[in-house]
């Protein structure tokens, strides 16, 4: 079984810690994405798994054995980097087969594997071409094929789509997802793009400053963020954050002027942050409003329009029907169903929850 287990993984550079005890278990055949802003430690974690960096403390376990002291070639992993790292003077066949250069396999078996991988990736007709005759997406498939041909226990992807244009990125996301479903490989994928993480992962690991903030399915981290960092990082546009305080009588008074019933016991005056996603803000009608003010900016996106509402405590973004959005300067009153409201402790940023929201139970 190609399980990957990280236990209390620590990395320091010159006495400065950059990873602070990472614990993570990746099941056999699981697609896990590490995501976070630049400098959060996601690529460092991948390099420690690969053996490209030395572990300062903790263990890396692959397939039931601790591999801390093994060379990268002995860890039964294959890595696909941000740049294609394929040889321009070699054909596609030779580039894919380069992953088997040190394998003690008969030539016929090597050729069989190359042909099989090329067929899976849709590259059979290009085996005789050189990289200069391929598109960017095809070159990336060659790099993936060179990793696949080895049949490793774990695939490691380090931002492999960053150099592709937007259309190719979308296409390659779909192809990598289909590839995973077809071959059932164990994959750890690093990206800074939360859209890539949401669309590809079985589980997402969200990192910040060398710490894991939350691990969960895309639905988990989107609908039940553990803290304000995750809430803001996952989702585009980001979750709106409205400051407020508990009134001690079962409600939260918002800086926007709204009042939110909140029966979870909170000390009178306790500062909180109320989060609501743009798509969950809807016209309040005659009911209570979380947000009230004039539309200051509109961003048409075709089927929907993003509208920005001015006033206190700052600009709030919501989504409106793309065919009949409110006009600039038009006043709007917006509310949200209680199950779509998130409440966080203002001091720690941690989720407090909402009693009628099962995501927070």
Foldseek 3Di string as FASTA:
>chain_A
DFKKWWFQFWDDDPNHTQAGTDTDIFDQLFEEEEAEDPSQCQVVVLCQLQQVDQTPDTFIDTPHRTCRPPHNVPNLEFEQEQDLPFDQVAFLLVRLLVLCPPPPDDPVLSSVLSCVLCVLLVNNVRRGPGPVVDDPLVSSSSSVSSRPSSVGQEYEYYNNCVPDDPVSSVVVLVSVQVSSVVPSHHYYYYDHDLVSRLSRGQKYFYGGSNDTQDIGHSCLLALQPFFQVSQCSHDPNGWDKWKWFAQQPQWTQTQQRFIGGANDGDPHGFIKIKTFHQAQKDAQVPHTFPHKAFFADWAQDDQWIWTWGQDPPGIDIHIGGNVDDDDGGDMTGIHGDQLRMWMARPVPRGTPGGVVNVSHD
